[in-house]
N, C-alpha and C. Protein backbone atom coordinates (compact mmCIF):
# COMPACT_ATOMS: atom_id res chain seq x y z
N UNK A 1 0.48 -11.93 19.00
CA UNK A 1 1.30 -12.70 18.21
C UNK A 1 1.03 -12.46 16.72
N UNK A 2 -0.23 -12.08 16.31
CA UNK A 2 -0.52 -11.76 14.91
C UNK A 2 0.27 -10.52 14.41
N UNK A 3 0.24 -9.48 15.31
CA UNK A 3 0.98 -8.24 14.90
C UNK A 3 2.50 -8.41 14.89
N UNK A 4 3.05 -9.28 15.84
CA UNK A 4 4.45 -9.53 15.89
C UNK A 4 4.91 -10.18 14.60
N UNK A 5 4.22 -11.23 14.18
CA UNK A 5 4.56 -11.86 12.92
C UNK A 5 4.43 -10.96 11.70
N UNK A 6 3.40 -10.10 11.63
CA UNK A 6 3.18 -9.21 10.55
C UNK A 6 4.34 -8.16 10.53
N UNK A 7 4.63 -7.56 11.76
CA UNK A 7 5.71 -6.64 11.76
C UNK A 7 7.11 -7.24 11.39
N UNK A 8 7.34 -8.46 11.78
CA UNK A 8 8.58 -9.13 11.39
C UNK A 8 8.64 -9.33 9.84
N UNK A 9 7.48 -9.57 9.25
CA UNK A 9 7.49 -9.83 7.81
C UNK A 9 7.66 -8.44 7.13
N UNK A 10 7.16 -7.35 7.70
CA UNK A 10 7.23 -6.06 7.05
C UNK A 10 8.48 -5.23 7.46
N UNK A 11 9.46 -5.84 8.22
CA UNK A 11 10.61 -5.15 8.70
C UNK A 11 11.39 -4.56 7.50
N UNK A 12 11.76 -3.31 7.66
CA UNK A 12 12.41 -2.56 6.61
C UNK A 12 11.56 -1.84 5.62
N UNK A 13 10.25 -2.08 5.75
CA UNK A 13 9.32 -1.50 4.80
C UNK A 13 8.56 -0.39 5.36
N UNK A 14 7.95 0.47 4.52
CA UNK A 14 7.10 1.48 4.96
C UNK A 14 5.72 0.98 5.33
N UNK A 15 5.20 1.33 6.53
CA UNK A 15 3.91 0.83 6.96
C UNK A 15 3.09 2.01 7.54
N UNK A 16 1.87 1.71 7.64
CA UNK A 16 0.90 2.56 8.38
C UNK A 16 0.33 1.77 9.55
N UNK A 17 0.60 2.22 10.77
CA UNK A 17 0.07 1.53 11.98
C UNK A 17 -0.91 2.38 12.70
N UNK A 18 -2.00 1.88 13.00
CA UNK A 18 -3.09 2.48 13.86
C UNK A 18 -2.99 1.91 15.19
N UNK A 19 -3.09 2.76 16.29
CA UNK A 19 -3.10 2.25 17.62
C UNK A 19 -4.36 2.49 18.37
N UNK A 20 -4.57 1.85 19.49
CA UNK A 20 -5.86 2.04 20.20
C UNK A 20 -6.10 3.40 20.86
N UNK A 21 -5.13 4.30 20.73
CA UNK A 21 -5.20 5.62 21.21
C UNK A 21 -5.68 6.60 20.06
N UNK A 22 -5.87 6.01 18.90
CA UNK A 22 -6.41 6.78 17.78
C UNK A 22 -5.32 7.48 17.01
N UNK A 23 -4.07 7.08 17.22
CA UNK A 23 -2.98 7.72 16.49
C UNK A 23 -2.57 6.87 15.30
N UNK A 24 -2.06 7.43 14.31
CA UNK A 24 -1.55 6.78 13.08
C UNK A 24 -0.12 7.00 13.02
N UNK A 25 0.59 5.97 12.86
CA UNK A 25 2.09 6.06 12.72
C UNK A 25 2.54 5.58 11.34
N UNK A 26 3.23 6.46 10.58
CA UNK A 26 3.68 6.12 9.23
C UNK A 26 5.15 6.21 9.23
N UNK A 27 5.78 5.13 8.81
CA UNK A 27 7.21 5.11 8.78
C UNK A 27 7.76 3.69 8.40
N UNK A 28 9.04 3.57 8.54
CA UNK A 28 9.74 2.29 8.25
C UNK A 28 9.94 1.52 9.53
N UNK A 29 9.65 0.16 9.49
CA UNK A 29 9.87 -0.63 10.64
C UNK A 29 11.37 -0.96 10.72
N UNK A 30 11.99 -0.52 11.82
CA UNK A 30 13.43 -0.68 11.99
C UNK A 30 13.75 -2.01 12.78
N UNK A 31 12.93 -2.28 13.80
CA UNK A 31 13.16 -3.41 14.63
C UNK A 31 11.86 -3.94 15.26
N UNK A 32 11.81 -5.25 15.61
CA UNK A 32 10.64 -5.77 16.30
C UNK A 32 11.12 -6.64 17.44
N UNK A 33 10.52 -6.43 18.58
CA UNK A 33 10.74 -7.28 19.79
C UNK A 33 9.42 -7.96 20.11
N UNK A 34 9.39 -8.86 21.16
CA UNK A 34 8.15 -9.50 21.52
C UNK A 34 7.11 -8.44 22.06
N UNK A 35 7.54 -7.25 22.45
CA UNK A 35 6.63 -6.23 23.06
C UNK A 35 6.42 -5.03 22.21
N UNK A 36 7.40 -4.70 21.33
CA UNK A 36 7.31 -3.41 20.63
C UNK A 36 7.81 -3.53 19.19
N UNK A 37 7.27 -2.64 18.41
CA UNK A 37 7.79 -2.52 17.04
C UNK A 37 8.41 -1.03 17.04
N UNK A 38 9.62 -0.97 16.48
CA UNK A 38 10.33 0.34 16.44
C UNK A 38 10.16 0.83 15.01
N UNK A 39 9.58 2.05 14.91
CA UNK A 39 9.26 2.69 13.65
C UNK A 39 10.06 4.00 13.50
N UNK A 40 10.59 4.15 12.32
CA UNK A 40 11.25 5.42 12.01
C UNK A 40 10.34 6.26 11.23
N UNK A 41 9.76 7.29 11.90
CA UNK A 41 8.65 8.05 11.21
C UNK A 41 9.06 8.79 9.94
N UNK A 42 8.11 8.94 9.06
CA UNK A 42 8.36 9.67 7.80
C UNK A 42 7.96 11.07 8.17
N UNK A 43 8.88 12.01 8.05
CA UNK A 43 8.60 13.42 8.33
C UNK A 43 7.87 14.03 7.17
N UNK A 44 6.91 14.82 7.37
CA UNK A 44 6.16 15.49 6.34
C UNK A 44 5.11 14.62 5.80
N UNK A 45 4.93 13.45 6.25
CA UNK A 45 3.92 12.50 5.78
C UNK A 45 2.59 12.76 6.56
N UNK A 46 1.73 11.83 6.45
CA UNK A 46 0.45 11.88 7.20
C UNK A 46 0.50 11.18 8.45
N UNK A 47 1.58 10.93 9.02
CA UNK A 47 1.77 10.08 10.20
C UNK A 47 2.01 10.97 11.52
N UNK A 48 1.83 10.24 12.56
CA UNK A 48 2.01 10.77 13.94
C UNK A 48 3.44 10.71 14.19
N UNK A 49 4.08 11.84 14.62
CA UNK A 49 5.49 11.89 14.93
C UNK A 49 5.67 11.59 16.48
N UNK A 50 6.88 11.49 16.91
CA UNK A 50 7.15 11.10 18.27
C UNK A 50 6.59 12.15 19.32
N UNK A 51 6.73 13.39 18.86
CA UNK A 51 6.23 14.46 19.77
C UNK A 51 4.84 14.89 19.56
N UNK A 52 4.06 14.16 18.76
CA UNK A 52 2.66 14.37 18.59
C UNK A 52 2.25 15.29 17.45
N UNK A 53 3.20 15.68 16.61
CA UNK A 53 2.83 16.53 15.48
C UNK A 53 3.29 16.01 14.20
N UNK A 54 2.96 16.72 13.20
CA UNK A 54 3.34 16.46 11.83
C UNK A 54 4.68 17.14 11.47
N UNK A 55 5.57 16.51 10.71
CA UNK A 55 6.78 17.11 10.35
C UNK A 55 6.60 17.93 9.11
N UNK A 56 7.71 18.72 8.90
CA UNK A 56 7.68 19.59 7.62
C UNK A 56 8.78 18.98 6.77
N UNK A 57 8.56 18.99 5.42
CA UNK A 57 9.50 18.48 4.47
C UNK A 57 9.42 16.97 4.50
N UNK A 58 10.52 16.33 3.97
CA UNK A 58 10.54 14.89 3.82
C UNK A 58 11.83 14.42 4.40
N UNK A 59 11.82 13.11 4.72
CA UNK A 59 12.99 12.50 5.35
C UNK A 59 12.45 11.62 6.53
N UNK A 60 13.35 11.27 7.38
CA UNK A 60 12.94 10.35 8.55
C UNK A 60 13.49 11.02 9.78
N UNK A 61 12.71 10.74 10.88
CA UNK A 61 13.06 11.20 12.19
C UNK A 61 13.65 9.99 12.97
N UNK A 62 13.91 10.21 14.20
CA UNK A 62 14.41 9.11 15.10
C UNK A 62 13.41 8.07 15.30
N UNK A 63 13.82 6.83 15.37
CA UNK A 63 12.93 5.64 15.56
C UNK A 63 12.43 5.69 16.97
N UNK A 64 11.15 5.23 17.10
CA UNK A 64 10.56 5.06 18.46
C UNK A 64 9.73 3.85 18.54
N UNK A 65 9.42 3.41 19.72
CA UNK A 65 8.74 2.10 19.85
C UNK A 65 7.15 2.35 20.05
N UNK A 66 6.47 1.33 19.45
CA UNK A 66 5.00 1.31 19.62
C UNK A 66 4.73 -0.08 20.16
N UNK A 67 3.97 -0.08 21.35
CA UNK A 67 3.64 -1.35 21.91
C UNK A 67 2.83 -2.24 20.97
N UNK A 68 3.22 -3.48 20.86
CA UNK A 68 2.48 -4.43 19.96
C UNK A 68 1.06 -4.58 20.48
N UNK A 69 0.81 -4.53 21.75
CA UNK A 69 -0.50 -4.67 22.31
C UNK A 69 -1.48 -3.48 22.07
N UNK A 70 -0.93 -2.34 21.69
CA UNK A 70 -1.67 -1.15 21.35
C UNK A 70 -2.06 -1.05 19.90
N UNK A 71 -1.52 -1.93 19.06
CA UNK A 71 -1.80 -1.86 17.65
C UNK A 71 -3.16 -2.37 17.28
N UNK A 72 -4.00 -1.65 16.63
CA UNK A 72 -5.24 -2.05 16.04
C UNK A 72 -5.35 -2.43 14.62
N UNK A 73 -4.29 -1.94 13.88
CA UNK A 73 -4.25 -2.25 12.51
C UNK A 73 -2.92 -1.88 11.92
N UNK A 74 -2.50 -2.54 10.89
CA UNK A 74 -1.20 -2.40 10.26
C UNK A 74 -1.34 -2.70 8.76
N UNK A 75 -0.74 -1.86 7.92
CA UNK A 75 -0.84 -2.06 6.42
C UNK A 75 0.38 -1.53 5.81
N UNK A 76 0.79 -2.03 4.63
CA UNK A 76 1.85 -1.40 3.99
C UNK A 76 1.55 -0.10 3.51
N UNK A 77 2.43 0.91 3.86
CA UNK A 77 2.22 2.30 3.57
C UNK A 77 2.07 2.60 2.02
N UNK A 78 2.75 1.76 1.20
CA UNK A 78 2.71 1.97 -0.28
C UNK A 78 1.30 1.82 -0.80
N UNK A 79 0.49 1.12 -0.06
CA UNK A 79 -0.91 1.02 -0.55
C UNK A 79 -1.67 2.39 -0.49
N UNK A 80 -1.17 3.26 0.38
CA UNK A 80 -1.77 4.58 0.60
C UNK A 80 -1.28 5.62 -0.21
N UNK A 81 -0.07 5.41 -0.80
CA UNK A 81 0.64 6.46 -1.55
C UNK A 81 0.46 6.36 -3.06
N UNK A 82 -0.40 5.48 -3.52
CA UNK A 82 -0.66 5.31 -5.04
C UNK A 82 -1.41 6.34 -5.55
């Protein structure tokens, strides 16, 4: 419930999400359900992309879901790009 509320509050903003599998997801929160947060990854950033690699250049890829139960940490991405 904690991450659900946090994701709802950060909807539409750039975030950095860490999951229990050791992956880092960096992108914009597009939607939030009771089970998943849908993130549109930042290509060329320091984030984990849908296919497990880093993108080249800048822009956004297709949104994908991250299970709320797998999230171990979330922070506004702007804190890391200063």
